[in-house]
C-alpha cells in the first residue's frame, strides 16, 4: 500500500509505504504522479519506505518505466 500524505503540496509528493508493493499499488498511484509532473514540469518525492516488506517484479518494472519516461 502507498498512502499519499497530507504534507503533499504543489510539486511535493509525500508517500508512506506499508506492506508489499505490487503492480496494482503503483498503477493506482501513477495517474497522480503523472498529473503532478504535468502540472509542475516535474516533482519532488519524499517516500517513507521503512515499513515496506518488499515488492514484486512488475512493481519494480513500473518504477523503472516511470523513471525512464521522465
N, C-alpha and C. Protein backbone atom coordinates (compact mmCIF):
# COMPACT_ATOMS: atom_id res chain seq x y z
N UNK A 1 0.84 -1.17 0.00
CA UNK A 1 0.00 0.00 0.00
C UNK A 1 0.89 1.24 0.00
N UNK A 2 0.48 2.24 -0.75
CA UNK A 2 1.11 3.55 -0.75
C UNK A 2 0.06 4.57 -0.35
N UNK A 3 0.34 5.32 0.70
CA UNK A 3 -0.59 6.35 1.15
C UNK A 3 -0.01 7.71 0.79
N UNK A 4 -0.84 8.54 0.19
CA UNK A 4 -0.47 9.92 -0.10
C UNK A 4 -0.65 10.70 1.20
N UNK A 5 0.41 11.33 1.68
CA UNK A 5 0.37 12.03 2.96
C UNK A 5 -0.10 13.47 2.79
N UNK A 6 -0.72 14.03 3.85
CA UNK A 6 -1.26 15.39 3.77
C UNK A 6 -0.19 16.46 3.59
N UNK A 7 1.06 16.14 3.83
CA UNK A 7 2.14 17.10 3.62
C UNK A 7 2.38 17.38 2.14
N UNK A 8 1.80 16.58 1.26
CA UNK A 8 1.94 16.78 -0.18
C UNK A 8 1.31 18.11 -0.57
N UNK A 9 2.03 18.86 -1.41
CA UNK A 9 1.53 20.15 -1.85
C UNK A 9 2.31 20.58 -3.09
N UNK A 10 1.60 21.10 -4.08
CA UNK A 10 2.27 21.56 -5.29
C UNK A 10 3.06 20.43 -5.94
N UNK A 11 4.36 20.67 -6.13
CA UNK A 11 5.18 19.65 -6.78
C UNK A 11 5.78 18.65 -5.79
N UNK A 12 5.47 18.79 -4.50
CA UNK A 12 5.97 17.87 -3.48
C UNK A 12 4.95 16.75 -3.24
N UNK A 13 5.37 15.52 -3.45
CA UNK A 13 4.54 14.35 -3.20
C UNK A 13 5.17 13.56 -2.06
N UNK A 14 4.42 13.38 -0.98
CA UNK A 14 4.90 12.64 0.19
C UNK A 14 4.10 11.36 0.30
N UNK A 15 4.82 10.23 0.35
CA UNK A 15 4.18 8.92 0.39
C UNK A 15 4.66 8.13 1.59
N UNK A 16 3.79 7.27 2.09
CA UNK A 16 4.14 6.30 3.13
C UNK A 16 3.82 4.92 2.56
N UNK A 17 4.81 4.05 2.56
CA UNK A 17 4.62 2.69 2.05
C UNK A 17 4.41 1.72 3.19
N UNK A 18 3.46 0.80 3.02
CA UNK A 18 3.16 -0.23 4.01
C UNK A 18 3.01 -1.57 3.31
N UNK A 19 3.57 -2.62 3.90
CA UNK A 19 3.40 -3.96 3.35
C UNK A 19 4.20 -4.17 2.08
N UNK A 20 3.65 -4.94 1.17
CA UNK A 20 4.33 -5.27 -0.09
C UNK A 20 3.81 -4.37 -1.21
N UNK A 21 4.75 -3.81 -1.97
CA UNK A 21 4.36 -3.02 -3.14
C UNK A 21 4.09 -3.95 -4.31
N UNK A 22 2.94 -3.77 -4.89
CA UNK A 22 2.54 -4.60 -6.03
C UNK A 22 2.34 -3.71 -7.25
N UNK A 23 2.19 -4.36 -8.38
CA UNK A 23 1.92 -3.68 -9.64
C UNK A 23 0.65 -2.83 -9.52
N UNK A 24 -0.39 -3.38 -8.91
CA UNK A 24 -1.66 -2.66 -8.75
C UNK A 24 -1.49 -1.39 -7.92
N UNK A 25 -0.72 -1.49 -6.84
CA UNK A 25 -0.49 -0.34 -5.97
C UNK A 25 0.18 0.79 -6.75
N UNK A 26 1.22 0.47 -7.49
CA UNK A 26 1.92 1.50 -8.25
C UNK A 26 1.08 2.05 -9.39
N UNK A 27 0.32 1.19 -10.06
CA UNK A 27 -0.53 1.66 -11.14
C UNK A 27 -1.63 2.58 -10.62
N UNK A 28 -2.09 2.37 -9.38
CA UNK A 28 -3.06 3.28 -8.79
C UNK A 28 -2.46 4.64 -8.50
N UNK A 29 -1.18 4.70 -8.17
CA UNK A 29 -0.52 5.95 -7.82
C UNK A 29 -0.03 6.70 -9.06
N UNK A 30 0.24 6.00 -10.15
CA UNK A 30 0.83 6.61 -11.35
C UNK A 30 0.04 7.80 -11.89
N UNK A 31 -1.30 7.74 -11.99
CA UNK A 31 -2.02 8.92 -12.51
C UNK A 31 -1.79 10.18 -11.68
N UNK A 32 -1.71 10.03 -10.38
CA UNK A 32 -1.45 11.19 -9.53
C UNK A 32 -0.04 11.74 -9.79
N UNK A 33 0.94 10.85 -9.85
CA UNK A 33 2.31 11.29 -10.11
C UNK A 33 2.42 11.96 -11.48
N UNK A 34 1.79 11.37 -12.48
CA UNK A 34 1.81 11.95 -13.83
C UNK A 34 1.15 13.33 -13.84
N UNK A 35 0.05 13.50 -13.10
CA UNK A 35 -0.64 14.79 -13.05
C UNK A 35 0.25 15.85 -12.41
N UNK A 36 0.96 15.50 -11.36
CA UNK A 36 1.87 16.45 -10.71
C UNK A 36 3.01 16.82 -11.66
N UNK A 37 3.56 15.83 -12.33
CA UNK A 37 4.65 16.09 -13.29
C UNK A 37 4.17 17.02 -14.39
N UNK A 38 2.99 16.79 -14.92
CA UNK A 38 2.44 17.63 -15.99
C UNK A 38 2.18 19.05 -15.49
N UNK A 39 1.60 19.18 -14.31
CA UNK A 39 1.24 20.50 -13.79
C UNK A 39 2.46 21.32 -13.39
N UNK A 40 3.53 20.67 -12.95
CA UNK A 40 4.67 21.39 -12.39
C UNK A 40 5.98 21.14 -13.13
N UNK A 41 5.92 20.48 -14.27
CA UNK A 41 7.12 20.15 -15.06
C UNK A 41 8.13 19.33 -14.26
N UNK A 42 7.64 18.52 -13.36
CA UNK A 42 8.48 17.66 -12.53
C UNK A 42 7.83 17.50 -11.17
N UNK A 43 8.51 16.73 -10.33
CA UNK A 43 8.01 16.58 -8.97
C UNK A 43 9.16 16.34 -8.02
N UNK A 44 8.90 16.63 -6.77
CA UNK A 44 9.82 16.29 -5.69
C UNK A 44 9.13 15.19 -4.91
N UNK A 45 9.83 14.13 -4.60
CA UNK A 45 9.22 12.97 -3.97
C UNK A 45 9.91 12.65 -2.65
N UNK A 46 9.11 12.54 -1.60
CA UNK A 46 9.59 12.07 -0.31
C UNK A 46 8.80 10.81 0.00
N UNK A 47 9.48 9.68 0.08
CA UNK A 47 8.80 8.40 0.30
C UNK A 47 9.40 7.71 1.51
N UNK A 48 8.56 7.46 2.50
CA UNK A 48 8.96 6.71 3.69
C UNK A 48 8.66 5.24 3.40
N UNK A 49 9.70 4.47 3.15
CA UNK A 49 9.55 3.06 2.79
C UNK A 49 10.04 2.13 3.89
N UNK A 50 10.13 2.65 5.11
CA UNK A 50 10.66 1.84 6.22
C UNK A 50 9.76 0.67 6.58
N UNK A 51 8.47 0.74 6.24
CA UNK A 51 7.55 -0.35 6.56
C UNK A 51 7.17 -1.19 5.34
N UNK A 52 8.00 -1.14 4.30
CA UNK A 52 7.77 -1.96 3.10
C UNK A 52 8.38 -3.34 3.34
N UNK A 53 7.64 -4.36 2.97
CA UNK A 53 8.11 -5.75 3.11
C UNK A 53 8.48 -6.35 1.76
N UNK A 54 8.95 -5.52 0.84
CA UNK A 54 9.35 -5.99 -0.49
C UNK A 54 8.39 -5.52 -1.56
N UNK A 55 8.74 -5.89 -2.79
CA UNK A 55 7.86 -5.55 -3.92
C UNK A 55 8.01 -6.60 -4.99
N UNK A 56 6.95 -6.72 -5.80
CA UNK A 56 7.01 -7.73 -6.85
C UNK A 56 7.74 -7.16 -8.07
N UNK A 57 8.15 -8.04 -8.98
CA UNK A 57 8.97 -7.61 -10.11
C UNK A 57 8.22 -6.66 -11.03
N UNK A 58 6.91 -6.82 -11.16
CA UNK A 58 6.15 -5.90 -12.03
C UNK A 58 6.12 -4.50 -11.45
N UNK A 59 6.02 -4.40 -10.13
CA UNK A 59 6.06 -3.09 -9.48
C UNK A 59 7.43 -2.44 -9.72
N UNK A 60 8.48 -3.22 -9.61
CA UNK A 60 9.82 -2.70 -9.86
C UNK A 60 9.93 -2.20 -11.31
N UNK A 61 9.36 -2.94 -12.24
CA UNK A 61 9.40 -2.54 -13.65
C UNK A 61 8.63 -1.25 -13.87
N UNK A 62 7.45 -1.11 -13.24
CA UNK A 62 6.67 0.12 -13.36
C UNK A 62 7.47 1.32 -12.85
N UNK A 63 8.19 1.14 -11.77
CA UNK A 63 9.02 2.20 -11.21
C UNK A 63 10.11 2.59 -12.20
N UNK A 64 10.78 1.63 -12.78
CA UNK A 64 11.82 1.90 -13.77
C UNK A 64 11.24 2.57 -15.00
N UNK A 65 10.08 2.10 -15.47
CA UNK A 65 9.45 2.68 -16.65
C UNK A 65 9.09 4.14 -16.44
N UNK A 66 8.59 4.49 -15.25
CA UNK A 66 8.26 5.89 -14.97
C UNK A 66 9.53 6.74 -14.97
N UNK A 67 10.59 6.22 -14.39
CA UNK A 67 11.86 6.93 -14.37
C UNK A 67 12.41 7.16 -15.77
N UNK A 68 12.33 6.16 -16.61
CA UNK A 68 12.82 6.30 -17.99
C UNK A 68 11.98 7.30 -18.77
N UNK A 69 10.67 7.26 -18.56
CA UNK A 69 9.77 8.16 -19.29
C UNK A 69 10.05 9.63 -18.95
N UNK A 70 10.38 9.88 -17.69
CA UNK A 70 10.57 11.26 -17.26
C UNK A 70 12.01 11.57 -16.98
